[in-house]
Amino acid sequence: MPSDERVVVEIAFDGGQIMGARLTSASADELEQALAARNDGALTLDADDGRYTLPLGRVVYVKRFTREARLGFSSGA
């Protein structure tokens, strides 16, 4: 998977706030790894619409959307 490929993530925080962002695949991986390590610090991510600093201890869940199916014609090869 190319490192500059964008993925859409949805991040929910305790208290009910939910945010969505388009991140590089590498940034989405970094977020998942930080949460899996139970890191309670903060993580800064660059998204298409700006930079976010997330308090990891307040994240309830992260949903990583699959790539969109592409419709169209192929060359048949």
N, C-alpha and C. Protein backbone atom coordinates (compact mmCIF):
# COMPACT_ATOMS: atom_id res chain seq x y z
N MET A 1 0.85 -1.17 0.00
CA MET A 1 0.00 0.00 0.00
C MET A 1 0.89 1.23 0.00
N PRO A 2 0.69 2.17 -0.92
CA PRO A 2 1.52 3.36 -0.95
C PRO A 2 1.38 4.17 0.33
N SER A 3 2.48 4.75 0.80
CA SER A 3 2.46 5.47 2.06
C SER A 3 1.66 6.77 2.00
N ASP A 4 1.42 7.30 0.79
CA ASP A 4 0.66 8.54 0.69
C ASP A 4 -0.82 8.29 0.45
N GLU A 5 -1.24 7.04 0.47
CA GLU A 5 -2.65 6.72 0.30
C GLU A 5 -3.43 7.24 1.51
N ARG A 6 -4.59 7.80 1.27
CA ARG A 6 -5.41 8.36 2.34
C ARG A 6 -6.48 7.37 2.76
N VAL A 7 -6.72 7.33 4.07
CA VAL A 7 -7.80 6.53 4.62
C VAL A 7 -8.66 7.42 5.50
N VAL A 8 -9.92 7.08 5.61
CA VAL A 8 -10.84 7.83 6.44
C VAL A 8 -10.96 7.11 7.78
N VAL A 9 -10.81 7.86 8.86
CA VAL A 9 -10.99 7.31 10.19
C VAL A 9 -12.04 8.13 10.93
N GLU A 10 -12.71 7.45 11.85
CA GLU A 10 -13.67 8.09 12.73
C GLU A 10 -13.17 7.82 14.14
N ILE A 11 -13.01 8.86 14.94
CA ILE A 11 -12.46 8.74 16.28
C ILE A 11 -13.51 9.24 17.27
N ALA A 12 -13.86 8.39 18.23
CA ALA A 12 -14.85 8.75 19.25
C ALA A 12 -14.15 8.95 20.58
N PHE A 13 -14.59 9.96 21.31
CA PHE A 13 -14.01 10.29 22.61
C PHE A 13 -15.05 10.09 23.70
N ASP A 14 -14.56 9.85 24.94
CA ASP A 14 -15.52 9.76 26.03
C ASP A 14 -16.22 11.11 26.15
N GLY A 15 -17.46 11.08 26.46
CA GLY A 15 -18.26 12.30 26.47
C GLY A 15 -19.13 12.41 25.23
N GLY A 16 -18.86 11.55 24.22
CA GLY A 16 -19.74 11.49 23.05
C GLY A 16 -19.27 12.20 21.80
N GLN A 17 -18.18 12.94 21.85
CA GLN A 17 -17.71 13.63 20.66
C GLN A 17 -17.11 12.62 19.68
N ILE A 18 -17.41 12.84 18.40
CA ILE A 18 -16.87 12.00 17.33
C ILE A 18 -16.31 12.91 16.26
N MET A 19 -15.13 12.58 15.79
CA MET A 19 -14.54 13.36 14.70
C MET A 19 -14.12 12.42 13.59
N GLY A 20 -14.15 12.92 12.38
CA GLY A 20 -13.68 12.16 11.24
C GLY A 20 -12.50 12.90 10.61
N ALA A 21 -11.60 12.13 10.01
CA ALA A 21 -10.45 12.74 9.36
C ALA A 21 -9.94 11.83 8.26
N ARG A 22 -9.30 12.46 7.26
CA ARG A 22 -8.60 11.70 6.21
C ARG A 22 -7.12 11.78 6.54
N LEU A 23 -6.53 10.62 6.81
CA LEU A 23 -5.13 10.53 7.20
C LEU A 23 -4.36 9.70 6.19
N THR A 24 -3.04 9.82 6.23
CA THR A 24 -2.24 8.88 5.46
C THR A 24 -2.39 7.52 6.13
N SER A 25 -2.16 6.50 5.37
CA SER A 25 -2.22 5.15 5.91
C SER A 25 -1.23 4.99 7.05
N ALA A 26 -0.04 5.59 6.92
CA ALA A 26 0.98 5.51 7.96
C ALA A 26 0.51 6.19 9.25
N SER A 27 -0.17 7.33 9.14
CA SER A 27 -0.68 8.02 10.33
C SER A 27 -1.78 7.22 11.01
N ALA A 28 -2.65 6.60 10.23
CA ALA A 28 -3.70 5.76 10.80
C ALA A 28 -3.08 4.57 11.53
N ASP A 29 -2.03 3.99 10.95
CA ASP A 29 -1.32 2.89 11.61
C ASP A 29 -0.70 3.36 12.92
N GLU A 30 -0.11 4.55 12.91
CA GLU A 30 0.52 5.11 14.11
C GLU A 30 -0.50 5.30 15.23
N LEU A 31 -1.69 5.77 14.86
CA LEU A 31 -2.76 5.95 15.84
C LEU A 31 -3.16 4.61 16.44
N GLU A 32 -3.36 3.61 15.61
CA GLU A 32 -3.74 2.28 16.10
C GLU A 32 -2.68 1.70 17.01
N GLN A 33 -1.41 1.87 16.66
CA GLN A 33 -0.31 1.34 17.47
C GLN A 33 -0.23 2.04 18.82
N ALA A 34 -0.43 3.35 18.85
CA ALA A 34 -0.39 4.10 20.10
C ALA A 34 -1.52 3.66 21.02
N LEU A 35 -2.70 3.41 20.46
CA LEU A 35 -3.83 2.95 21.27
C LEU A 35 -3.61 1.52 21.76
N ALA A 36 -3.06 0.68 20.91
CA ALA A 36 -2.79 -0.71 21.31
C ALA A 36 -1.76 -0.78 22.43
N ALA A 37 -0.84 0.17 22.46
CA ALA A 37 0.19 0.23 23.51
C ALA A 37 -0.35 0.85 24.79
N ARG A 38 -1.63 1.24 24.78
CA ARG A 38 -2.29 1.87 25.93
C ARG A 38 -1.55 3.13 26.38
N ASN A 39 -1.08 3.85 25.38
CA ASN A 39 -0.40 5.12 25.62
C ASN A 39 -1.44 6.15 26.06
N ASP A 40 -1.25 6.77 27.23
CA ASP A 40 -2.20 7.78 27.71
C ASP A 40 -1.76 9.20 27.39
N GLY A 41 -0.70 9.34 26.63
CA GLY A 41 -0.23 10.66 26.25
C GLY A 41 -1.07 11.25 25.13
N ALA A 42 -0.45 12.07 24.34
CA ALA A 42 -1.12 12.71 23.21
C ALA A 42 -0.39 12.31 21.93
N LEU A 43 -1.13 12.31 20.85
CA LEU A 43 -0.56 11.99 19.54
C LEU A 43 -0.98 13.08 18.57
N THR A 44 -0.03 13.60 17.82
CA THR A 44 -0.32 14.62 16.82
C THR A 44 -0.35 13.97 15.45
N LEU A 45 -1.43 14.21 14.72
CA LEU A 45 -1.61 13.65 13.38
C LEU A 45 -1.88 14.76 12.39
N ASP A 46 -1.30 14.64 11.21
CA ASP A 46 -1.60 15.57 10.13
C ASP A 46 -2.69 14.96 9.27
N ALA A 47 -3.78 15.69 9.12
CA ALA A 47 -4.91 15.26 8.30
C ALA A 47 -5.02 16.20 7.10
N ASP A 48 -5.89 15.85 6.17
CA ASP A 48 -6.07 16.69 4.99
C ASP A 48 -6.53 18.10 5.34
N ASP A 49 -7.29 18.24 6.43
CA ASP A 49 -7.83 19.55 6.77
C ASP A 49 -7.10 20.24 7.91
N GLY A 50 -5.99 19.71 8.36
CA GLY A 50 -5.24 20.36 9.43
C GLY A 50 -4.54 19.37 10.32
N ARG A 51 -3.98 19.87 11.40
CA ARG A 51 -3.24 19.05 12.35
C ARG A 51 -4.09 18.88 13.61
N TYR A 52 -4.14 17.64 14.09
CA TYR A 52 -4.91 17.31 15.29
C TYR A 52 -3.96 16.75 16.35
N THR A 53 -4.15 17.17 17.59
CA THR A 53 -3.47 16.56 18.72
C THR A 53 -4.54 15.87 19.54
N LEU A 54 -4.41 14.54 19.64
CA LEU A 54 -5.44 13.73 20.29
C LEU A 54 -5.00 13.29 21.67
N PRO A 55 -5.86 13.44 22.68
CA PRO A 55 -5.58 12.89 24.01
C PRO A 55 -5.93 11.40 23.98
N LEU A 56 -4.94 10.54 23.87
CA LEU A 56 -5.18 9.12 23.65
C LEU A 56 -5.97 8.45 24.76
N GLY A 57 -5.83 8.92 25.99
CA GLY A 57 -6.56 8.35 27.11
C GLY A 57 -8.06 8.58 27.05
N ARG A 58 -8.50 9.48 26.20
CA ARG A 58 -9.93 9.78 26.08
C ARG A 58 -10.57 9.16 24.85
N VAL A 59 -9.78 8.44 24.05
CA VAL A 59 -10.32 7.81 22.84
C VAL A 59 -11.09 6.54 23.24
N VAL A 60 -12.33 6.45 22.77
CA VAL A 60 -13.18 5.30 23.07
C VAL A 60 -13.04 4.25 21.96
N TYR A 61 -13.08 4.71 20.71
CA TYR A 61 -12.87 3.79 19.60
C TYR A 61 -12.37 4.54 18.38
N VAL A 62 -11.78 3.78 17.46
CA VAL A 62 -11.36 4.30 16.16
C VAL A 62 -11.93 3.36 15.12
N LYS A 63 -12.62 3.92 14.16
CA LYS A 63 -13.12 3.13 13.03
C LYS A 63 -12.32 3.54 11.80
N ARG A 64 -11.71 2.56 11.17
CA ARG A 64 -10.94 2.79 9.95
C ARG A 64 -11.76 2.26 8.79
N PHE A 65 -12.15 3.14 7.91
CA PHE A 65 -13.01 2.75 6.79
C PHE A 65 -12.19 2.05 5.72
N THR A 66 -12.80 1.06 5.09
CA THR A 66 -12.14 0.36 3.99
C THR A 66 -12.12 1.27 2.78
N ARG A 67 -11.22 0.93 1.86
CA ARG A 67 -11.16 1.74 0.64
C ARG A 67 -12.48 1.62 -0.11
N GLU A 68 -12.84 2.70 -0.75
CA GLU A 68 -14.07 2.71 -1.52
C GLU A 68 -13.93 1.82 -2.75
N ALA A 69 -15.02 1.14 -3.05
CA ALA A 69 -15.02 0.34 -4.29
C ALA A 69 -15.07 1.31 -5.45
N ARG A 70 -14.32 1.01 -6.47
CA ARG A 70 -14.27 1.89 -7.63
C ARG A 70 -15.07 1.26 -8.75
N LEU A 71 -15.94 2.06 -9.33
CA LEU A 71 -16.75 1.61 -10.44
C LEU A 71 -16.15 2.12 -11.73
N GLY A 72 -16.29 1.34 -12.77
CA GLY A 72 -15.78 1.78 -14.05
C GLY A 72 -15.38 0.59 -14.90
N PHE A 73 -14.78 0.89 -15.98
CA PHE A 73 -14.38 -0.15 -16.91
C PHE A 73 -12.90 -0.43 -16.76
N SER A 74 -12.54 -1.68 -16.96
CA SER A 74 -11.12 -2.03 -16.91
C SER A 74 -10.65 -2.35 -18.32
N SER A 75 -9.34 -2.43 -18.45
CA SER A 75 -8.78 -2.71 -19.76
C SER A 75 -8.89 -4.19 -20.13
N GLY A 76 -9.31 -5.01 -19.15
CA GLY A 76 -9.47 -6.43 -19.39
C GLY A 76 -8.18 -7.21 -19.23
N ALA A 77 -7.11 -6.52 -18.87
CA ALA A 77 -5.81 -7.20 -18.70
C ALA A 77 -5.64 -7.69 -17.29
